[in-house]
Amino acid sequence: PCLEGQTNFMKAASDLGFRYDTSGVNE
């Protein structure tokens, strides 16, 4: 939500076997 909390979410998601995140701003 609102592109917030990405770092801790990614750490949790990595532990749970997720494969990607789309919560940031990229070039």
PDB file of all heavy atoms in Angstrom:
ATOM      1  N   PRO A   1       0.819  -1.210   0.000  1.00  0.00           N
ATOM      2  CA  PRO A   1       0.000   0.000   0.000  1.00  0.00           C
ATOM      3  C   PRO A   1       0.854   1.262   0.000  1.00  0.00           C
ATOM      4  O   PRO A   1       1.821   1.383   0.759  1.00  0.00           O
ATOM      5  CB  PRO A   1      -0.802  -0.127   1.304  1.00  0.00           C
ATOM      6  CG  PRO A   1      -0.851  -1.596   1.577  1.00  0.00           C
ATOM      7  CD  PRO A   1       0.476  -2.125   1.114  1.00  0.00           C
ATOM      8  N   CYS A   2       0.490   2.194  -0.885  1.00  0.00           N
ATOM      9  CA  CYS A   2       1.160   3.492  -0.959  1.00  0.00           C
ATOM     10  C   CYS A   2       2.666   3.383  -1.199  1.00  0.00           C
ATOM     11  O   CYS A   2       3.408   4.321  -0.941  1.00  0.00           O
ATOM     12  CB  CYS A   2       0.885   4.328   0.285  1.00  0.00           C
ATOM     13  SG  CYS A   2      -0.860   4.592   0.601  1.00  0.00           S
ATOM     14  N   LEU A   3       3.116   2.240  -1.644  1.00  0.00           N
ATOM     15  CA  LEU A   3       4.534   1.990  -1.913  1.00  0.00           C
ATOM     16  C   LEU A   3       5.389   2.155  -0.664  1.00  0.00           C
ATOM     17  O   LEU A   3       6.569   2.503  -0.754  1.00  0.00           O
ATOM     18  CB  LEU A   3       5.055   2.890  -3.036  1.00  0.00           C
ATOM     19  CG  LEU A   3       4.289   2.861  -4.356  1.00  0.00           C
ATOM     20  CD1 LEU A   3       5.012   3.668  -5.414  1.00  0.00           C
ATOM     21  CD2 LEU A   3       4.060   1.437  -4.839  1.00  0.00           C
ATOM     22  N   GLU A   4       4.819   1.879   0.507  1.00  0.00           N
ATOM     23  CA  GLU A   4       5.536   2.013   1.769  1.00  0.00           C
ATOM     24  C   GLU A   4       5.919   0.642   2.319  1.00  0.00           C
ATOM     25  O   GLU A   4       5.282  -0.363   2.024  1.00  0.00           O
ATOM     26  CB  GLU A   4       4.674   2.765   2.789  1.00  0.00           C
ATOM     27  CG  GLU A   4       4.357   4.206   2.382  1.00  0.00           C
ATOM     28  CD  GLU A   4       3.407   4.890   3.357  1.00  0.00           C
ATOM     29  OE1 GLU A   4       3.045   4.280   4.381  1.00  0.00           O
ATOM     30  OE2 GLU A   4       3.007   6.035   3.092  1.00  0.00           O
ATOM     31  N   GLY A   5       6.980   0.624   3.137  1.00  0.00           N
ATOM     32  CA  GLY A   5       7.374  -0.593   3.836  1.00  0.00           C
ATOM     33  C   GLY A   5       8.062  -1.629   2.975  1.00  0.00           C
ATOM     34  O   GLY A   5       8.112  -2.807   3.335  1.00  0.00           O
ATOM     35  N   GLN A   6       8.631  -1.202   1.843  1.00  0.00           N
ATOM     36  CA  GLN A   6       9.166  -2.152   0.878  1.00  0.00           C
ATOM     37  C   GLN A   6      10.284  -3.015   1.435  1.00  0.00           C
ATOM     38  O   GLN A   6      10.304  -4.225   1.229  1.00  0.00           O
ATOM     39  CB  GLN A   6       9.658  -1.420  -0.378  1.00  0.00           C
ATOM     40  CG  GLN A   6      10.125  -2.375  -1.481  1.00  0.00           C
ATOM     41  CD  GLN A   6      10.766  -1.665  -2.657  1.00  0.00           C
ATOM     42  OE1 GLN A   6      11.416  -0.623  -2.492  1.00  0.00           O
ATOM     43  NE2 GLN A   6      10.598  -2.189  -3.860  1.00  0.00           N
ATOM     44  N   THR A   7      11.222  -2.424   2.167  1.00  0.00           N
ATOM     45  CA  THR A   7      12.388  -3.191   2.613  1.00  0.00           C
ATOM     46  C   THR A   7      12.002  -4.345   3.522  1.00  0.00           C
ATOM     47  O   THR A   7      12.406  -5.499   3.292  1.00  0.00           O
ATOM     48  CB  THR A   7      13.397  -2.268   3.315  1.00  0.00           C
ATOM     49  OG1 THR A   7      13.888  -1.300   2.374  1.00  0.00           O
ATOM     50  CG2 THR A   7      14.569  -3.074   3.862  1.00  0.00           C
ATOM     51  N   ASN A   8      11.231  -4.073   4.559  1.00  0.00           N
ATOM     52  CA  ASN A   8      10.843  -5.147   5.477  1.00  0.00           C
ATOM     53  C   ASN A   8       9.907  -6.143   4.807  1.00  0.00           C
ATOM     54  O   ASN A   8       9.950  -7.342   5.103  1.00  0.00           O
ATOM     55  CB  ASN A   8      10.222  -4.571   6.742  1.00  0.00           C
ATOM     56  CG  ASN A   8      11.274  -4.123   7.740  1.00  0.00           C
ATOM     57  OD1 ASN A   8      12.477  -4.361   7.574  1.00  0.00           O
ATOM     58  ND2 ASN A   8      10.832  -3.476   8.822  1.00  0.00           N
ATOM     59  N   PHE A   9       9.040  -5.639   3.904  1.00  0.00           N
ATOM     60  CA  PHE A   9       8.214  -6.596   3.162  1.00  0.00           C
ATOM     61  C   PHE A   9       9.085  -7.535   2.342  1.00  0.00           C
ATOM     62  O   PHE A   9       8.860  -8.745   2.335  1.00  0.00           O
ATOM     63  CB  PHE A   9       7.228  -5.889   2.233  1.00  0.00           C
ATOM     64  CG  PHE A   9       6.698  -6.836   1.186  1.00  0.00           C
ATOM     65  CD1 PHE A   9       5.873  -7.887   1.548  1.00  0.00           C
ATOM     66  CD2 PHE A   9       7.081  -6.719  -0.147  1.00  0.00           C
ATOM     67  CE1 PHE A   9       5.431  -8.798   0.594  1.00  0.00           C
ATOM     68  CE2 PHE A   9       6.649  -7.623  -1.091  1.00  0.00           C
ATOM     69  CZ  PHE A   9       5.819  -8.660  -0.722  1.00  0.00           C
ATOM     70  N   MET A  10      10.077  -7.010   1.633  1.00  0.00           N
ATOM     71  CA  MET A  10      10.923  -7.854   0.792  1.00  0.00           C
ATOM     72  C   MET A  10      11.681  -8.884   1.627  1.00  0.00           C
ATOM     73  O   MET A  10      11.850 -10.031   1.198  1.00  0.00           O
ATOM     74  CB  MET A  10      11.889  -6.994  -0.028  1.00  0.00           C
ATOM     75  CG  MET A  10      11.202  -6.137  -1.079  1.00  0.00           C
ATOM     76  SD  MET A  10      12.359  -5.185  -2.117  1.00  0.00           S
ATOM     77  CE  MET A  10      12.913  -6.452  -3.266  1.00  0.00           C
ATOM     78  N   LYS A  11      12.118  -8.494   2.807  1.00  0.00           N
ATOM     79  CA  LYS A  11      12.792  -9.451   3.683  1.00  0.00           C
ATOM     80  C   LYS A  11      11.841 -10.581   4.084  1.00  0.00           C
ATOM     81  O   LYS A  11      12.212 -11.756   4.071  1.00  0.00           O
ATOM     82  CB  LYS A  11      13.327  -8.735   4.924  1.00  0.00           C
ATOM     83  CG  LYS A  11      14.480  -7.776   4.639  1.00  0.00           C
ATOM     84  CD  LYS A  11      14.916  -7.060   5.912  1.00  0.00           C
ATOM     85  CE  LYS A  11      16.075  -6.103   5.647  1.00  0.00           C
ATOM     86  NZ  LYS A  11      16.472  -5.375   6.884  1.00  0.00           N
ATOM     87  N   ALA A  12      10.607 -10.206   4.424  1.00  0.00           N
ATOM     88  CA  ALA A  12       9.609 -11.219   4.781  1.00  0.00           C
ATOM     89  C   ALA A  12       9.267 -12.087   3.584  1.00  0.00           C
ATOM     90  O   ALA A  12       9.204 -13.317   3.686  1.00  0.00           O
ATOM     91  CB  ALA A  12       8.342 -10.533   5.311  1.00  0.00           C
ATOM     92  N   ALA A  13       9.052 -11.452   2.430  1.00  0.00           N
ATOM     93  CA  ALA A  13       8.664 -12.177   1.230  1.00  0.00           C
ATOM     94  C   ALA A  13       9.751 -13.141   0.772  1.00  0.00           C
ATOM     95  O   ALA A  13       9.470 -14.244   0.304  1.00  0.00           O
ATOM     96  CB  ALA A  13       8.329 -11.187   0.106  1.00  0.00           C
ATOM     97  N   SER A  14      10.999 -12.723   0.918  1.00  0.00           N
ATOM     98  CA  SER A  14      12.101 -13.599   0.552  1.00  0.00           C
ATOM     99  C   SER A  14      12.101 -14.852   1.410  1.00  0.00           C
ATOM    100  O   SER A  14      12.297 -15.965   0.907  1.00  0.00           O
ATOM    101  CB  SER A  14      13.426 -12.843   0.696  1.00  0.00           C
ATOM    102  OG  SER A  14      14.512 -13.664   0.326  1.00  0.00           O
ATOM    103  N   ASP A  15      11.850 -14.684   2.705  1.00  0.00           N
ATOM    104  CA  ASP A  15      11.780 -15.835   3.609  1.00  0.00           C
ATOM    105  C   ASP A  15      10.628 -16.773   3.248  1.00  0.00           C
ATOM    106  O   ASP A  15      10.703 -17.982   3.473  1.00  0.00           O
ATOM    107  CB  ASP A  15      11.614 -15.370   5.055  1.00  0.00           C
ATOM    108  CG  ASP A  15      12.866 -14.727   5.633  1.00  0.00           C
ATOM    109  OD1 ASP A  15      13.954 -14.870   5.039  1.00  0.00           O
ATOM    110  OD2 ASP A  15      12.750 -14.069   6.693  1.00  0.00           O
ATOM    111  N   LEU A  16       9.546 -16.206   2.679  1.00  0.00           N
ATOM    112  CA  LEU A  16       8.349 -16.985   2.375  1.00  0.00           C
ATOM    113  C   LEU A  16       8.344 -17.561   0.959  1.00  0.00           C
ATOM    114  O   LEU A  16       7.359 -18.179   0.563  1.00  0.00           O
ATOM    115  CB  LEU A  16       7.109 -16.113   2.583  1.00  0.00           C
ATOM    116  CG  LEU A  16       6.860 -15.641   4.023  1.00  0.00           C
ATOM    117  CD1 LEU A  16       5.696 -14.656   4.064  1.00  0.00           C
ATOM    118  CD2 LEU A  16       6.600 -16.823   4.948  1.00  0.00           C
ATOM    119  N   GLY A  17       9.413 -17.336   0.214  1.00  0.00           N
ATOM    120  CA  GLY A  17       9.500 -17.922  -1.117  1.00  0.00           C
ATOM    121  C   GLY A  17       8.894 -17.108  -2.238  1.00  0.00           C
ATOM    122  O   GLY A  17       8.701 -17.621  -3.351  1.00  0.00           O
ATOM    123  N   PHE A  18       8.579 -15.821  -1.991  1.00  0.00           N
ATOM    124  CA  PHE A  18       8.114 -14.969  -3.075  1.00  0.00           C
ATOM    125  C   PHE A  18       9.232 -14.802  -4.101  1.00  0.00           C
ATOM    126  O   PHE A  18      10.411 -15.011  -3.813  1.00  0.00           O
ATOM    127  CB  PHE A  18       7.714 -13.593  -2.545  1.00  0.00           C
ATOM    128  CG  PHE A  18       6.340 -13.528  -1.923  1.00  0.00           C
ATOM    129  CD1 PHE A  18       5.882 -14.539  -1.093  1.00  0.00           C
ATOM    130  CD2 PHE A  18       5.503 -12.452  -2.150  1.00  0.00           C
ATOM    131  CE1 PHE A  18       4.622 -14.474  -0.508  1.00  0.00           C
ATOM    132  CE2 PHE A  18       4.250 -12.367  -1.588  1.00  0.00           C
ATOM    133  CZ  PHE A  18       3.807 -13.376  -0.757  1.00  0.00           C
ATOM    134  N   ARG A  19       8.850 -14.359  -5.308  1.00  0.00           N
ATOM    135  CA  ARG A  19       9.839 -14.235  -6.382  1.00  0.00           C
ATOM    136  C   ARG A  19      10.033 -12.801  -6.859  1.00  0.00           C
ATOM    137  O   ARG A  19      11.019 -12.515  -7.533  1.00  0.00           O
ATOM    138  CB  ARG A  19       9.436 -15.125  -7.557  1.00  0.00           C
ATOM    139  CG  ARG A  19       9.470 -16.614  -7.211  1.00  0.00           C
ATOM    140  CD  ARG A  19       8.916 -17.457  -8.345  1.00  0.00           C
ATOM    141  NE  ARG A  19       9.654 -17.222  -9.579  1.00  0.00           N
ATOM    142  CZ  ARG A  19       9.198 -17.532 -10.776  1.00  0.00           C
ATOM    143  NH1 ARG A  19       7.986 -18.074 -10.895  1.00  0.00           N
ATOM    144  NH2 ARG A  19       9.927 -17.292 -11.859  1.00  0.00           N
ATOM    145  N   TYR A  20       9.103 -11.890  -6.560  1.00  0.00           N
ATOM    146  CA  TYR A  20       9.281 -10.509  -7.005  1.00  0.00           C
ATOM    147  C   TYR A  20       8.533  -9.554  -6.090  1.00  0.00           C
ATOM    148  O   TYR A  20       7.650  -9.945  -5.317  1.00  0.00           O
ATOM    149  CB  TYR A  20       8.793 -10.321  -8.451  1.00  0.00           C
ATOM    150  CG  TYR A  20       7.283 -10.316  -8.601  1.00  0.00           C
ATOM    151  CD1 TYR A  20       6.540  -9.152  -8.419  1.00  0.00           C
ATOM    152  CD2 TYR A  20       6.591 -11.479  -8.919  1.00  0.00           C
ATOM    153  CE1 TYR A  20       5.160  -9.145  -8.534  1.00  0.00           C
ATOM    154  CE2 TYR A  20       5.217 -11.496  -9.030  1.00  0.00           C
ATOM    155  CZ  TYR A  20       4.507 -10.311  -8.836  1.00  0.00           C
ATOM    156  OH  TYR A  20       3.131 -10.308  -8.934  1.00  0.00           O
ATOM    157  N   ASP A  21       8.899  -8.284  -6.203  1.00  0.00           N
ATOM    158  CA  ASP A  21       8.180  -7.194  -5.547  1.00  0.00           C
ATOM    159  C   ASP A  21       8.051  -6.060  -6.551  1.00  0.00           C
ATOM    160  O   ASP A  21       8.917  -5.862  -7.405  1.00  0.00           O
ATOM    161  CB  ASP A  21       8.928  -6.697  -4.313  1.00  0.00           C
ATOM    162  CG  ASP A  21       8.330  -5.414  -3.772  1.00  0.00           C
ATOM    163  OD1 ASP A  21       7.198  -5.463  -3.257  1.00  0.00           O
ATOM    164  OD2 ASP A  21       8.967  -4.346  -3.921  1.00  0.00           O
ATOM    165  N   THR A  22       6.960  -5.293  -6.448  1.00  0.00           N
ATOM    166  CA  THR A  22       6.763  -4.160  -7.340  1.00  0.00           C
ATOM    167  C   THR A  22       6.276  -2.949  -6.548  1.00  0.00           C
ATOM    168  O   THR A  22       5.280  -2.306  -6.892  1.00  0.00           O
ATOM    169  CB  THR A  22       5.792  -4.506  -8.499  1.00  0.00           C
ATOM    170  OG1 THR A  22       5.583  -3.352  -9.321  1.00  0.00           O
ATOM    171  CG2 THR A  22       4.483  -5.061  -7.995  1.00  0.00           C
ATOM    172  N   SER A  23       6.983  -2.636  -5.466  1.00  0.00           N
ATOM    173  CA  SER A  23       6.558  -1.607  -4.520  1.00  0.00           C
ATOM    174  C   SER A  23       7.442  -0.366  -4.511  1.00  0.00           C
ATOM    175  O   SER A  23       7.335   0.445  -3.598  1.00  0.00           O
ATOM    176  CB  SER A  23       6.515  -2.186  -3.099  1.00  0.00           C
ATOM    177  OG  SER A  23       5.710  -3.335  -3.033  1.00  0.00           O
ATOM    178  N   GLY A  24       8.290  -0.188  -5.483  1.00  0.00           N
ATOM    179  CA  GLY A  24       9.183   0.956  -5.476  1.00  0.00           C
ATOM    180  C   GLY A  24       9.029   1.822  -6.717  1.00  0.00           C
ATOM    181  O   GLY A  24       8.052   1.739  -7.463  1.00  0.00           O
ATOM    182  N   VAL A  25      10.016   2.663  -6.925  1.00  0.00           N
ATOM    183  CA  VAL A  25      10.076   3.559  -8.080  1.00  0.00           C
ATOM    184  C   VAL A  25      11.404   3.326  -8.786  1.00  0.00           C
ATOM    185  O   VAL A  25      12.469   3.505  -8.198  1.00  0.00           O
ATOM    186  CB  VAL A  25       9.956   5.033  -7.658  1.00  0.00           C
ATOM    187  CG1 VAL A  25      10.065   5.949  -8.879  1.00  0.00           C
ATOM    188  CG2 VAL A  25       8.639   5.278  -6.922  1.00  0.00           C
ATOM    189  N   ASN A  26      11.346   2.927 -10.030  1.00  0.00           N
ATOM    190  CA  ASN A  26      12.535   2.630 -10.807  1.00  0.00           C
ATOM    191  C   ASN A  26      12.644   3.506 -12.039  1.00  0.00           C
ATOM    192  O   ASN A  26      11.669   4.114 -12.489  1.00  0.00           O
ATOM    193  CB  ASN A  26      12.530   1.165 -11.281  1.00  0.00           C
ATOM    194  CG  ASN A  26      12.852   0.175 -10.191  1.00  0.00           C
ATOM    195  OD1 ASN A  26      13.364   0.540  -9.148  1.00  0.00           O
ATOM    196  ND2 ASN A  26      12.541  -1.101 -10.419  1.00  0.00           N
ATOM    197  N   GLU A  27      13.856   3.567 -12.581  1.00  0.00           N
ATOM    198  CA  GLU A  27      14.058   4.079 -13.926  1.00  0.00           C
ATOM    199  C   GLU A  27      13.701   2.983 -14.932  1.00  0.00           C
ATOM    200  O   GLU A  27      13.528   1.816 -14.574  1.00  0.00           O
ATOM    201  CB  GLU A  27      15.529   4.477 -14.119  1.00  0.00           C
ATOM    202  CG  GLU A  27      16.031   5.514 -13.129  1.00  0.00           C
ATOM    203  CD  GLU A  27      15.706   6.924 -13.540  1.00  0.00           C
ATOM    204  OE1 GLU A  27      14.948   7.098 -14.526  1.00  0.00           O
ATOM    205  OE2 GLU A  27      16.191   7.862 -12.899  1.00  0.00           O
TER     206      GLU A  27
END
